[in-house]
Amino acid sequence: MILSLTGTQSPDPANESTQQTWEFVARILDDMASRGVLDKQKLKTFYIPLYAPYEEEVKDIIEKQGSFSICRLQVHDSMIGVNKALISPKMIAYGLRAAFEPIIGDHFGSSTEIMDEFVRTTEQLMSPALLENERTKNPRVFLAMSLARKS
């Protein structure tokens, strides 16, 4: 079995950078609801079931569960090799859109207009501090692993 998921570089579940991302997405959606782009009642019931585990945490869970063995595990930092000066609010907005569009569309209704407004709102709300945080302290990584079923 192949698994691919978003993880974090920090073993601290309360990592400040990770929390800032989730709080920023909440601010974007709240702003959109306050302007009538999203239904306020639907926003009240919206929940993003996100958790970004640390590499060792994933290993421990798989080993403790016992049904699979890890054949290979790779951690990919998508920011390696990126000219961080090129990271812009638009780039971050499109990254957030790619990550959240399926769940936002499922809850609020699939709409290009909603997601286009999500991008515009993201760009407008992006503070210099948050942009600098994305450039220098991005804690997110991608975990990819192949698992074999134990017999």
C-alpha atoms as a PDB file:
ATOM      1  CA  MET A   1       0.000   0.000   0.000  1.00  0.00           C
ATOM      2  CA  ILE A   2       1.231   3.513  -0.748  1.00  0.00           C
ATOM      3  CA  LEU A   3       0.340   6.356   1.614  1.00  0.00           C
ATOM      4  CA  SER A   4       0.933  10.033   1.004  1.00  0.00           C
ATOM      5  CA  LEU A   5       0.049  12.672   3.556  1.00  0.00           C
ATOM      6  CA  THR A   6       0.962  16.084   4.837  1.00  0.00           C
ATOM      7  CA  GLY A   7       3.132  16.053   7.891  1.00  0.00           C
ATOM      8  CA  THR A   8       5.183  18.419   9.980  1.00  0.00           C
ATOM      9  CA  GLN A   9       8.879  18.813  10.649  1.00  0.00           C
ATOM     10  CA  SER A  10       8.244  19.457  14.331  1.00  0.00           C
ATOM     11  CA  PRO A  11       7.298  16.822  16.896  1.00  0.00           C
ATOM     12  CA  ASP A  12       5.436  19.564  18.816  1.00  0.00           C
ATOM     13  CA  PRO A  13       1.706  19.280  17.954  1.00  0.00           C
ATOM     14  CA  ALA A  14       1.201  22.887  19.016  1.00  0.00           C
ATOM     15  CA  ASN A  15       3.805  24.133  16.544  1.00  0.00           C
ATOM     16  CA  GLU A  16       3.150  27.838  16.138  1.00  0.00           C
ATOM     17  CA  SER A  17       3.639  27.857  12.356  1.00  0.00           C
ATOM     18  CA  THR A  18       1.193  24.993  11.823  1.00  0.00           C
ATOM     19  CA  GLN A  19      -1.443  26.629  14.025  1.00  0.00           C
ATOM     20  CA  GLN A  20      -1.029  29.924  12.164  1.00  0.00           C
ATOM     21  CA  THR A  21      -1.908  28.212   8.899  1.00  0.00           C
ATOM     22  CA  TRP A  22      -5.128  26.697  10.254  1.00  0.00           C
ATOM     23  CA  GLU A  23      -6.092  29.978  11.932  1.00  0.00           C
ATOM     24  CA  PHE A  24      -5.408  31.867   8.712  1.00  0.00           C
ATOM     25  CA  VAL A  25      -7.729  29.581   6.733  1.00  0.00           C
ATOM     26  CA  ALA A  26     -10.417  30.159   9.389  1.00  0.00           C
ATOM     27  CA  ARG A  27      -9.976  33.946   9.005  1.00  0.00           C
ATOM     28  CA  ILE A  28     -10.317  33.672   5.226  1.00  0.00           C
ATOM     29  CA  LEU A  29     -13.564  31.708   5.475  1.00  0.00           C
ATOM     30  CA  ASP A  30     -14.932  33.990   8.202  1.00  0.00           C
ATOM     31  CA  ASP A  31     -14.224  37.047   6.042  1.00  0.00           C
ATOM     32  CA  MET A  32     -15.964  35.419   3.081  1.00  0.00           C
ATOM     33  CA  ALA A  33     -19.013  34.595   5.237  1.00  0.00           C
ATOM     34  CA  SER A  34     -19.175  38.142   6.626  1.00  0.00           C
ATOM     35  CA  ARG A  35     -19.437  39.417   3.038  1.00  0.00           C
ATOM     36  CA  GLY A  36     -22.094  36.866   2.094  1.00  0.00           C
ATOM     37  CA  VAL A  37     -19.846  34.820  -0.197  1.00  0.00           C
ATOM     38  CA  LEU A  38     -20.318  31.824   2.107  1.00  0.00           C
ATOM     39  CA  ASP A  39     -23.396  30.917   4.115  1.00  0.00           C
ATOM     40  CA  LYS A  40     -22.795  31.895   7.781  1.00  0.00           C
ATOM     41  CA  GLN A  41     -24.832  28.944   9.062  1.00  0.00           C
ATOM     42  CA  LYS A  42     -22.790  26.521   7.003  1.00  0.00           C
ATOM     43  CA  LEU A  43     -19.597  28.135   8.298  1.00  0.00           C
ATOM     44  CA  LYS A  44     -20.717  27.450  11.876  1.00  0.00           C
ATOM     45  CA  THR A  45     -20.898  23.728  11.084  1.00  0.00           C
ATOM     46  CA  PHE A  46     -17.704  23.604   9.024  1.00  0.00           C
ATOM     47  CA  TYR A  47     -14.914  21.502  10.436  1.00  0.00           C
ATOM     48  CA  ILE A  48     -11.574  20.818   8.824  1.00  0.00           C
ATOM     49  CA  PRO A  49     -10.369  17.485  10.182  1.00  0.00           C
ATOM     50  CA  LEU A  50      -6.685  18.233   9.845  1.00  0.00           C
ATOM     51  CA  TYR A  51      -3.760  16.810  11.636  1.00  0.00           C
ATOM     52  CA  ALA A  52      -0.198  16.891  10.391  1.00  0.00           C
ATOM     53  CA  PRO A  53       1.769  14.131  12.123  1.00  0.00           C
ATOM     54  CA  TYR A  54       5.492  14.015  12.650  1.00  0.00           C
ATOM     55  CA  GLU A  55       7.466  11.300  10.841  1.00  0.00           C
ATOM     56  CA  GLU A  56       8.261   9.358  14.025  1.00  0.00           C
ATOM     57  CA  GLU A  57       4.625   9.510  15.107  1.00  0.00           C
ATOM     58  CA  VAL A  58       3.501   7.853  11.865  1.00  0.00           C
ATOM     59  CA  LYS A  59       6.144   5.146  12.262  1.00  0.00           C
ATOM     60  CA  ASP A  60       5.063   4.479  15.858  1.00  0.00           C
ATOM     61  CA  ILE A  61       1.372   4.200  14.922  1.00  0.00           C
ATOM     62  CA  ILE A  62       2.028   1.773  12.085  1.00  0.00           C
ATOM     63  CA  GLU A  63       4.366  -0.348  14.191  1.00  0.00           C
ATOM     64  CA  LYS A  64       2.012  -0.427  17.194  1.00  0.00           C
ATOM     65  CA  GLN A  65      -1.005  -1.290  15.057  1.00  0.00           C
ATOM     66  CA  GLY A  66       0.940  -4.246  13.693  1.00  0.00           C
ATOM     67  CA  SER A  67      -0.840  -5.065  10.412  1.00  0.00           C
ATOM     68  CA  PHE A  68       1.786  -3.475   8.165  1.00  0.00           C
ATOM     69  CA  SER A  69       5.509  -3.064   7.984  1.00  0.00           C
ATOM     70  CA  ILE A  70       7.114   0.023   6.504  1.00  0.00           C
ATOM     71  CA  CYS A  71       9.077  -0.817   3.380  1.00  0.00           C
ATOM     72  CA  ARG A  72      10.121   2.741   2.679  1.00  0.00           C
ATOM     73  CA  LEU A  73       9.337   6.165   4.106  1.00  0.00           C
ATOM     74  CA  GLN A  74      10.374   9.434   2.492  1.00  0.00           C
ATOM     75  CA  VAL A  75       9.991  12.946   3.854  1.00  0.00           C
ATOM     76  CA  HIS A  76       9.833  15.642   1.211  1.00  0.00           C
ATOM     77  CA  ASP A  77      10.209  19.297   2.123  1.00  0.00           C
ATOM     78  CA  SER A  78       8.573  21.082  -0.792  1.00  0.00           C
ATOM     79  CA  MET A  79      10.457  24.270   0.039  1.00  0.00           C
ATOM     80  CA  ILE A  80      13.931  22.832  -0.567  1.00  0.00           C
ATOM     81  CA  GLY A  81      15.387  24.368  -3.681  1.00  0.00           C
ATOM     82  CA  VAL A  82      12.711  27.063  -3.859  1.00  0.00           C
ATOM     83  CA  ASN A  83      13.837  30.660  -4.148  1.00  0.00           C
ATOM     84  CA  LYS A  84      11.970  31.881  -1.079  1.00  0.00           C
ATOM     85  CA  ALA A  85      11.977  35.450  -2.408  1.00  0.00           C
ATOM     86  CA  LEU A  86       9.562  34.217  -5.077  1.00  0.00           C
ATOM     87  CA  ILE A  87       6.993  33.056  -2.518  1.00  0.00           C
ATOM     88  CA  SER A  88       4.147  35.509  -2.872  1.00  0.00           C
ATOM     89  CA  PRO A  89       0.651  35.857  -1.462  1.00  0.00           C
ATOM     90  CA  LYS A  90      -0.697  34.556  -4.797  1.00  0.00           C
ATOM     91  CA  MET A  91       1.519  31.463  -4.631  1.00  0.00           C
ATOM     92  CA  ILE A  92       0.376  30.734  -1.071  1.00  0.00           C
ATOM     93  CA  ALA A  93      -3.256  31.388  -2.027  1.00  0.00           C
ATOM     94  CA  TYR A  94      -3.107  28.841  -4.848  1.00  0.00           C
ATOM     95  CA  GLY A  95      -1.377  26.339  -2.563  1.00  0.00           C
ATOM     96  CA  LEU A  96      -4.128  26.710   0.023  1.00  0.00           C
ATOM     97  CA  ARG A  97      -6.731  26.382  -2.719  1.00  0.00           C
ATOM     98  CA  ALA A  98      -5.178  23.124  -3.892  1.00  0.00           C
ATOM     99  CA  ALA A  99      -5.165  21.784  -0.342  1.00  0.00           C
ATOM    100  CA  PHE A 100      -8.628  22.886   0.762  1.00  0.00           C
ATOM    101  CA  GLU A 101     -10.790  23.070  -2.372  1.00  0.00           C
ATOM    102  CA  PRO A 102     -12.187  19.534  -2.082  1.00  0.00           C
ATOM    103  CA  ILE A 103     -13.380  19.948   1.514  1.00  0.00           C
ATOM    104  CA  ILE A 104     -14.606  23.533   1.027  1.00  0.00           C
ATOM    105  CA  GLY A 105     -16.471  22.529  -2.126  1.00  0.00           C
ATOM    106  CA  ASP A 106     -18.012  19.536  -0.403  1.00  0.00           C
ATOM    107  CA  HIS A 107     -19.348  21.654   2.469  1.00  0.00           C
ATOM    108  CA  PHE A 108     -20.273  24.945   0.796  1.00  0.00           C
ATOM    109  CA  GLY A 109     -20.987  23.682  -2.703  1.00  0.00           C
ATOM    110  CA  SER A 110     -18.529  23.222  -5.509  1.00  0.00           C
ATOM    111  CA  SER A 111     -18.121  26.577  -7.168  1.00  0.00           C
ATOM    112  CA  THR A 112     -15.330  28.146  -9.160  1.00  0.00           C
ATOM    113  CA  GLU A 113     -16.573  31.542  -7.981  1.00  0.00           C
ATOM    114  CA  ILE A 114     -16.225  30.583  -4.314  1.00  0.00           C
ATOM    115  CA  MET A 115     -12.712  29.260  -4.788  1.00  0.00           C
ATOM    116  CA  ASP A 116     -11.663  32.239  -6.905  1.00  0.00           C
ATOM    117  CA  GLU A 117     -12.876  34.464  -4.070  1.00  0.00           C
ATOM    118  CA  PHE A 118     -10.984  32.268  -1.597  1.00  0.00           C
ATOM    119  CA  VAL A 119      -7.784  33.046  -3.542  1.00  0.00           C
ATOM    120  CA  ARG A 120      -8.540  36.790  -3.678  1.00  0.00           C
ATOM    121  CA  THR A 121      -9.368  36.890   0.040  1.00  0.00           C
ATOM    122  CA  THR A 122      -6.211  34.970   0.894  1.00  0.00           C
ATOM    123  CA  GLU A 123      -4.103  37.474  -1.007  1.00  0.00           C
ATOM    124  CA  GLN A 124      -5.848  40.422   0.677  1.00  0.00           C
ATOM    125  CA  LEU A 125      -5.501  39.025   4.200  1.00  0.00           C
ATOM    126  CA  MET A 126      -1.894  37.869   3.835  1.00  0.00           C
ATOM    127  CA  SER A 127       0.109  39.923   6.299  1.00  0.00           C
ATOM    128  CA  PRO A 128       3.823  40.585   5.850  1.00  0.00           C
ATOM    129  CA  ALA A 129       4.477  38.577   9.041  1.00  0.00           C
ATOM    130  CA  LEU A 130       2.565  35.542   7.782  1.00  0.00           C
ATOM    131  CA  LEU A 131       4.263  35.764   4.398  1.00  0.00           C
ATOM    132  CA  GLU A 132       7.681  35.898   6.094  1.00  0.00           C
ATOM    133  CA  ASN A 133       6.692  32.932   8.253  1.00  0.00           C
ATOM    134  CA  GLU A 134       5.864  30.912   5.129  1.00  0.00           C
ATOM    135  CA  ARG A 135       9.217  31.857   3.640  1.00  0.00           C
ATOM    136  CA  THR A 136      11.336  31.008   6.667  1.00  0.00           C
ATOM    137  CA  LYS A 137       9.509  28.654   9.035  1.00  0.00           C
ATOM    138  CA  ASN A 138       7.326  26.478   6.860  1.00  0.00           C
ATOM    139  CA  PRO A 139       6.875  23.351   9.012  1.00  0.00           C
ATOM    140  CA  ARG A 140       4.961  21.299   6.440  1.00  0.00           C
ATOM    141  CA  VAL A 141       6.413  18.304   4.663  1.00  0.00           C
ATOM    142  CA  PHE A 142       4.964  15.501   2.592  1.00  0.00           C
ATOM    143  CA  LEU A 143       5.305  11.985   3.914  1.00  0.00           C
ATOM    144  CA  ALA A 144       5.266   9.171   1.386  1.00  0.00           C
ATOM    145  CA  MET A 145       5.543   5.571   2.412  1.00  0.00           C
ATOM    146  CA  SER A 146       5.113   2.113   1.057  1.00  0.00           C
ATOM    147  CA  LEU A 147       3.706  -0.495   3.397  1.00  0.00           C
ATOM    148  CA  ALA A 148       3.548  -4.268   3.173  1.00  0.00           C
ATOM    149  CA  ARG A 149       0.835  -6.283   4.875  1.00  0.00           C
ATOM    150  CA  LYS A 150       2.256  -8.578   7.511  1.00  0.00           C
ATOM    151  CA  SER A 151       1.214 -12.188   7.153  1.00  0.00           C
END
